Protein backbone atom coordinates (compact mmCIF):
# COMPACT_ATOMS: atom_id res chain seq x y z
CA UNK A 1 -131.82 121.87 99.18
CA UNK A 2 -134.42 119.07 100.79
CA UNK A 3 -135.57 119.42 104.54
CA UNK A 4 -133.77 115.79 105.26
CA UNK A 5 -130.18 117.57 104.35
CA UNK A 6 -131.03 120.35 106.25
CA UNK A 7 -131.08 121.17 110.41
CA UNK A 8 -133.31 123.99 111.83
CA UNK A 9 -131.82 125.52 114.69
CA UNK A 10 -134.76 126.62 117.54
CA UNK A 11 -133.94 129.71 119.08
CA UNK A 12 -135.74 131.81 122.30
CA UNK A 13 -135.02 135.34 122.08
CA UNK A 14 -136.10 138.23 124.19
CA UNK A 15 -133.67 141.15 123.67
CA UNK A 16 -134.99 144.05 122.26
CA UNK A 17 -138.38 142.84 122.38
CA UNK A 18 -139.44 144.64 125.65
CA UNK A 19 -138.93 141.53 127.75
CA UNK A 20 -141.59 139.76 124.94
CA UNK A 21 -140.71 136.22 123.66
CA UNK A 22 -140.10 134.95 120.12
CA UNK A 23 -139.79 131.41 118.49
CA UNK A 24 -136.72 131.93 116.51
CA UNK A 25 -135.69 129.16 113.38
CA UNK A 26 -132.41 129.57 111.90
CA UNK A 27 -130.09 128.53 109.32
CA UNK A 28 -132.90 126.86 107.00
CA UNK A 29 -131.56 127.45 103.35
CA UNK A 30 -135.08 128.07 101.61
CA UNK A 31 -136.17 130.98 99.14
CA UNK A 32 -137.82 134.01 100.48
CA UNK A 33 -141.27 132.35 99.24
CA UNK A 34 -140.95 128.79 101.07
CA UNK A 35 -139.72 130.51 104.19
CA UNK A 36 -143.28 132.32 104.29
CA UNK A 37 -145.33 129.45 103.39
CA UNK A 38 -143.25 127.62 106.23
CA UNK A 39 -143.78 130.34 108.84
CA UNK A 40 -147.49 130.53 107.64
CA UNK A 41 -147.61 126.73 108.74
CA UNK A 42 -145.75 127.24 111.60
CA UNK A 43 -148.30 130.41 113.22
CA UNK A 44 -151.58 128.05 112.43
CA UNK A 45 -150.17 125.36 114.18
CA UNK A 46 -149.13 127.58 117.04
CA UNK A 47 -152.08 129.53 116.97
CA UNK A 48 -150.02 132.80 116.94
CA UNK A 49 -148.54 135.41 114.60
CA UNK A 50 -144.91 135.68 113.35
CA UNK A 51 -142.90 137.00 110.74
CA UNK A 52 -139.95 136.06 108.47
CA UNK A 53 -137.03 138.44 109.16
CA UNK A 54 -133.44 138.37 107.55
CA UNK A 55 -133.82 134.58 106.57
CA UNK A 56 -135.21 133.65 109.64
CA UNK A 57 -138.39 132.87 110.89
CA UNK A 58 -139.66 134.12 114.15
CA UNK A 59 -143.20 133.27 116.05
CA UNK A 60 -144.19 134.78 119.26
CA UNK A 61 -144.45 132.88 122.63
CA UNK A 62 -142.28 130.28 123.60
CA UNK A 63 -143.31 127.68 121.33
CA UNK A 64 -140.14 125.80 120.58
CA UNK A 65 -141.62 122.44 121.13
CA UNK A 66 -144.34 122.35 119.18
CA UNK A 67 -142.28 124.35 116.44
CA UNK A 68 -139.84 121.10 116.60
CA UNK A 69 -142.72 118.56 116.24
CA UNK A 70 -143.99 120.25 113.11
CA UNK A 71 -140.31 120.65 111.37
CA UNK A 72 -139.72 116.67 112.46
CA UNK A 73 -142.71 115.80 110.20
CA UNK A 74 -141.74 117.72 107.70
CA UNK A 75 -138.66 116.12 107.47
CA UNK A 76 -135.96 118.43 109.16
CA UNK A 77 -133.64 117.61 111.31
CA UNK A 78 -134.06 119.98 114.21
CA UNK A 79 -132.03 121.18 117.36
CA UNK A 80 -133.31 123.13 120.07
CA UNK A 81 -130.81 125.76 121.32
CA UNK A 82 -130.92 128.49 124.07
CA UNK A 83 -132.31 128.79 127.25
């Protein structure tokens, strides 16, 4: 699906990570390769590490607003959810 038809949900999670916070991008319908490419772009923009796990992109730290800006420029609709 093209970005214009998708909504990315940005969550903040810390459970099971020793208190460390990660920003998670959920609900994107992309191939594994496209997810990895998007994750790389988000990691570069946020200046931090991250991974693709179970069809979600996890970026270390609280970067939801910066990630929302990047995803919006790429054409995705963005909803920021969670604490």
